[in-house]
Amino acid sequence: MTIKFSSKRPLTDKEEAEIQKMIVSDPDNPEITDEQAKQGKPFKEALPELFESIQRSRGRPRVDNPKEAVTLRLDPETLAAFKATGKDWRAKMVQALDEAAHNDNWLNTDHKKA
């Protein structure tokens, strides 16, 4: 397949004329008249039901109890142990922290390294 026109350089007058000729000769997509252009409406006004049906919110959906992003310094051995568990190592770390946070015995014990 040969490329007839390139977007990497400006079109010559001859190429532009050829494109305009192809546009005019397309029976499936005739150019609109000035009168038709004046009657045009924004999509939202022309088809309000369709517009509403395809609307979506931006970004992630809101959750009732969003998680908080934190920065945490860990011992390399601890991090390596979680990473060795597989792709979901972060979820496993969250689960371990959640379990520890809900274990009164663990929270009330001094866990300083020697």
C-alpha atoms as a PDB file:
ATOM      1  CA  MET A   1       0.000   0.000   0.000  1.00  0.00           C
ATOM      2  CA  THR A   2       1.473   3.306  -1.010  1.00  0.00           C
ATOM      3  CA  ILE A   3       0.927   6.448   0.998  1.00  0.00           C
ATOM      4  CA  LYS A   4      -0.490   9.115  -1.268  1.00  0.00           C
ATOM      5  CA  PHE A   5      -0.511  12.014   1.181  1.00  0.00           C
ATOM      6  CA  SER A   6       1.748  12.585   4.138  1.00  0.00           C
ATOM      7  CA  SER A   7       0.954  14.454   7.331  1.00  0.00           C
ATOM      8  CA  LYS A   8       4.664  15.034   7.870  1.00  0.00           C
ATOM      9  CA  ARG A   9       4.835  17.797   5.281  1.00  0.00           C
ATOM     10  CA  PRO A  10       2.472  20.461   3.972  1.00  0.00           C
ATOM     11  CA  LEU A  11       0.267  19.479   1.038  1.00  0.00           C
ATOM     12  CA  THR A  12       1.048  20.901  -2.352  1.00  0.00           C
ATOM     13  CA  ASP A  13      -1.669  22.870  -4.146  1.00  0.00           C
ATOM     14  CA  LYS A  14      -2.127  19.931  -6.531  1.00  0.00           C
ATOM     15  CA  GLU A  15      -2.587  17.467  -3.641  1.00  0.00           C
ATOM     16  CA  GLU A  16      -5.034  19.799  -1.899  1.00  0.00           C
ATOM     17  CA  ALA A  17      -7.056  20.134  -5.127  1.00  0.00           C
ATOM     18  CA  GLU A  18      -7.145  16.353  -5.518  1.00  0.00           C
ATOM     19  CA  ILE A  19      -8.387  15.899  -1.938  1.00  0.00           C
ATOM     20  CA  GLN A  20     -11.082  18.552  -2.402  1.00  0.00           C
ATOM     21  CA  LYS A  21     -12.170  16.832  -5.634  1.00  0.00           C
ATOM     22  CA  MET A  22     -12.500  13.490  -3.784  1.00  0.00           C
ATOM     23  CA  ILE A  23     -14.529  15.154  -1.015  1.00  0.00           C
ATOM     24  CA  VAL A  24     -16.976  16.699  -3.491  1.00  0.00           C
ATOM     25  CA  SER A  25     -17.383  13.436  -5.409  1.00  0.00           C
ATOM     26  CA  ASP A  26     -18.261  11.333  -2.318  1.00  0.00           C
ATOM     27  CA  PRO A  27     -22.000  10.519  -2.645  1.00  0.00           C
ATOM     28  CA  ASP A  28     -22.225   9.063   0.873  1.00  0.00           C
ATOM     29  CA  ASN A  29     -20.975  12.170   2.614  1.00  0.00           C
ATOM     30  CA  PRO A  30     -21.902  15.388   0.829  1.00  0.00           C
ATOM     31  CA  GLU A  31     -20.723  18.686   2.287  1.00  0.00           C
ATOM     32  CA  ILE A  32     -23.355  20.492   4.307  1.00  0.00           C
ATOM     33  CA  THR A  33     -24.764  23.750   3.057  1.00  0.00           C
ATOM     34  CA  ASP A  34     -24.475  27.038   4.935  1.00  0.00           C
ATOM     35  CA  GLU A  35     -28.189  26.749   5.802  1.00  0.00           C
ATOM     36  CA  GLN A  36     -27.694  23.248   7.238  1.00  0.00           C
ATOM     37  CA  ALA A  37     -24.709  24.485   9.243  1.00  0.00           C
ATOM     38  CA  LYS A  38     -26.831  27.301  10.734  1.00  0.00           C
ATOM     39  CA  GLN A  39     -29.451  24.769  11.866  1.00  0.00           C
ATOM     40  CA  GLY A  40     -26.864  22.608  13.623  1.00  0.00           C
ATOM     41  CA  LYS A  41     -27.205  22.064  17.378  1.00  0.00           C
ATOM     42  CA  PRO A  42     -24.741  20.804  19.962  1.00  0.00           C
ATOM     43  CA  PHE A  43     -25.011  17.060  20.539  1.00  0.00           C
ATOM     44  CA  LYS A  44     -26.311  17.644  24.076  1.00  0.00           C
ATOM     45  CA  GLU A  45     -29.259  19.636  22.711  1.00  0.00           C
ATOM     46  CA  ALA A  46     -29.931  17.529  19.604  1.00  0.00           C
ATOM     47  CA  LEU A  47     -30.057  14.163  21.418  1.00  0.00           C
ATOM     48  CA  PRO A  48     -30.417  14.841  25.172  1.00  0.00           C
ATOM     49  CA  GLU A  49     -31.483  11.282  26.094  1.00  0.00           C
ATOM     50  CA  LEU A  50     -28.496   9.754  24.325  1.00  0.00           C
ATOM     51  CA  PHE A  51     -26.198  12.385  25.795  1.00  0.00           C
ATOM     52  CA  GLU A  52     -27.384  11.565  29.336  1.00  0.00           C
ATOM     53  CA  SER A  53     -27.113   7.816  28.767  1.00  0.00           C
ATOM     54  CA  ILE A  54     -23.437   8.011  27.860  1.00  0.00           C
ATOM     55  CA  GLN A  55     -22.367  10.453  30.562  1.00  0.00           C
ATOM     56  CA  ARG A  56     -19.948   9.131  33.123  1.00  0.00           C
ATOM     57  CA  SER A  57     -18.115  10.685  35.972  1.00  0.00           C
ATOM     58  CA  ARG A  58     -14.427  11.387  35.816  1.00  0.00           C
ATOM     59  CA  GLY A  59     -11.886   9.486  37.827  1.00  0.00           C
ATOM     60  CA  ARG A  60     -12.352   6.648  40.236  1.00  0.00           C
ATOM     61  CA  PRO A  61     -15.724   6.078  41.877  1.00  0.00           C
ATOM     62  CA  ARG A  62     -16.043   7.556  45.353  1.00  0.00           C
ATOM     63  CA  VAL A  63     -15.931   5.092  48.232  1.00  0.00           C
ATOM     64  CA  ASP A  64     -17.365   5.555  51.712  1.00  0.00           C
ATOM     65  CA  ASN A  65     -14.111   4.735  53.481  1.00  0.00           C
ATOM     66  CA  PRO A  66     -11.175   5.527  51.160  1.00  0.00           C
ATOM     67  CA  LYS A  67      -7.725   4.194  51.936  1.00  0.00           C
ATOM     68  CA  GLU A  68      -4.978   6.638  52.808  1.00  0.00           C
ATOM     69  CA  ALA A  69      -1.663   6.813  50.985  1.00  0.00           C
ATOM     70  CA  VAL A  70       1.281   6.734  53.386  1.00  0.00           C
ATOM     71  CA  THR A  71       5.044   6.646  53.177  1.00  0.00           C
ATOM     72  CA  LEU A  72       6.649   3.985  55.303  1.00  0.00           C
ATOM     73  CA  ARG A  73      10.291   3.023  55.887  1.00  0.00           C
ATOM     74  CA  LEU A  74      10.815  -0.711  56.267  1.00  0.00           C
ATOM     75  CA  ASP A  75      13.781  -2.962  56.902  1.00  0.00           C
ATOM     76  CA  PRO A  76      15.032  -4.441  53.614  1.00  0.00           C
ATOM     77  CA  GLU A  77      14.535  -7.984  54.973  1.00  0.00           C
ATOM     78  CA  THR A  78      10.888  -7.290  55.843  1.00  0.00           C
ATOM     79  CA  LEU A  79      10.189  -5.816  52.429  1.00  0.00           C
ATOM     80  CA  ALA A  80      11.972  -8.697  50.681  1.00  0.00           C
ATOM     81  CA  ALA A  81       9.904 -11.224  52.650  1.00  0.00           C
ATOM     82  CA  PHE A  82       6.622  -9.636  51.500  1.00  0.00           C
ATOM     83  CA  LYS A  83       7.814  -9.220  47.907  1.00  0.00           C
ATOM     84  CA  ALA A  84       8.796 -12.895  47.840  1.00  0.00           C
ATOM     85  CA  THR A  85       5.126 -13.838  48.375  1.00  0.00           C
ATOM     86  CA  GLY A  86       4.194 -12.758  44.830  1.00  0.00           C
ATOM     87  CA  LYS A  87       2.523  -9.995  42.869  1.00  0.00           C
ATOM     88  CA  ASP A  88      -0.047  -9.268  45.579  1.00  0.00           C
ATOM     89  CA  TRP A  89       2.591  -8.604  48.243  1.00  0.00           C
ATOM     90  CA  ARG A  90       1.129  -5.164  48.995  1.00  0.00           C
ATOM     91  CA  ALA A  91      -2.299  -6.645  49.740  1.00  0.00           C
ATOM     92  CA  LYS A  92      -0.654  -9.221  52.012  1.00  0.00           C
ATOM     93  CA  MET A  93       1.182  -6.445  53.839  1.00  0.00           C
ATOM     94  CA  VAL A  94      -2.092  -4.555  54.330  1.00  0.00           C
ATOM     95  CA  GLN A  95      -3.721  -7.743  55.633  1.00  0.00           C
ATOM     96  CA  ALA A  96      -0.853  -8.341  58.091  1.00  0.00           C
ATOM     97  CA  LEU A  97      -1.067  -4.748  59.345  1.00  0.00           C
ATOM     98  CA  ASP A  98      -4.861  -4.968  59.668  1.00  0.00           C
ATOM     99  CA  GLU A  99      -4.586  -8.188  61.679  1.00  0.00           C
ATOM    100  CA  ALA A 100      -1.937  -6.662  63.936  1.00  0.00           C
ATOM    101  CA  ALA A 101      -3.999  -3.495  64.424  1.00  0.00           C
ATOM    102  CA  HIS A 102      -7.003  -5.538  65.567  1.00  0.00           C
ATOM    103  CA  ASN A 103      -4.989  -7.745  67.921  1.00  0.00           C
ATOM    104  CA  ASP A 104      -4.925  -6.034  71.337  1.00  0.00           C
ATOM    105  CA  ASN A 105      -2.145  -8.298  72.619  1.00  0.00           C
ATOM    106  CA  TRP A 106       0.097  -7.390  69.721  1.00  0.00           C
ATOM    107  CA  LEU A 107      -0.575  -3.662  69.981  1.00  0.00           C
ATOM    108  CA  ASN A 108       0.075  -3.536  73.725  1.00  0.00           C
ATOM    109  CA  THR A 109       3.428  -5.339  73.514  1.00  0.00           C
ATOM    110  CA  ASP A 110       6.775  -3.616  73.021  1.00  0.00           C
ATOM    111  CA  HIS A 111       8.213  -4.868  69.686  1.00  0.00           C
ATOM    112  CA  LYS A 112      11.519  -2.987  69.593  1.00  0.00           C
ATOM    113  CA  LYS A 113      14.355  -4.815  67.858  1.00  0.00           C
ATOM    114  CA  ALA A 114      17.304  -5.727  70.010  1.00  0.00           C
END
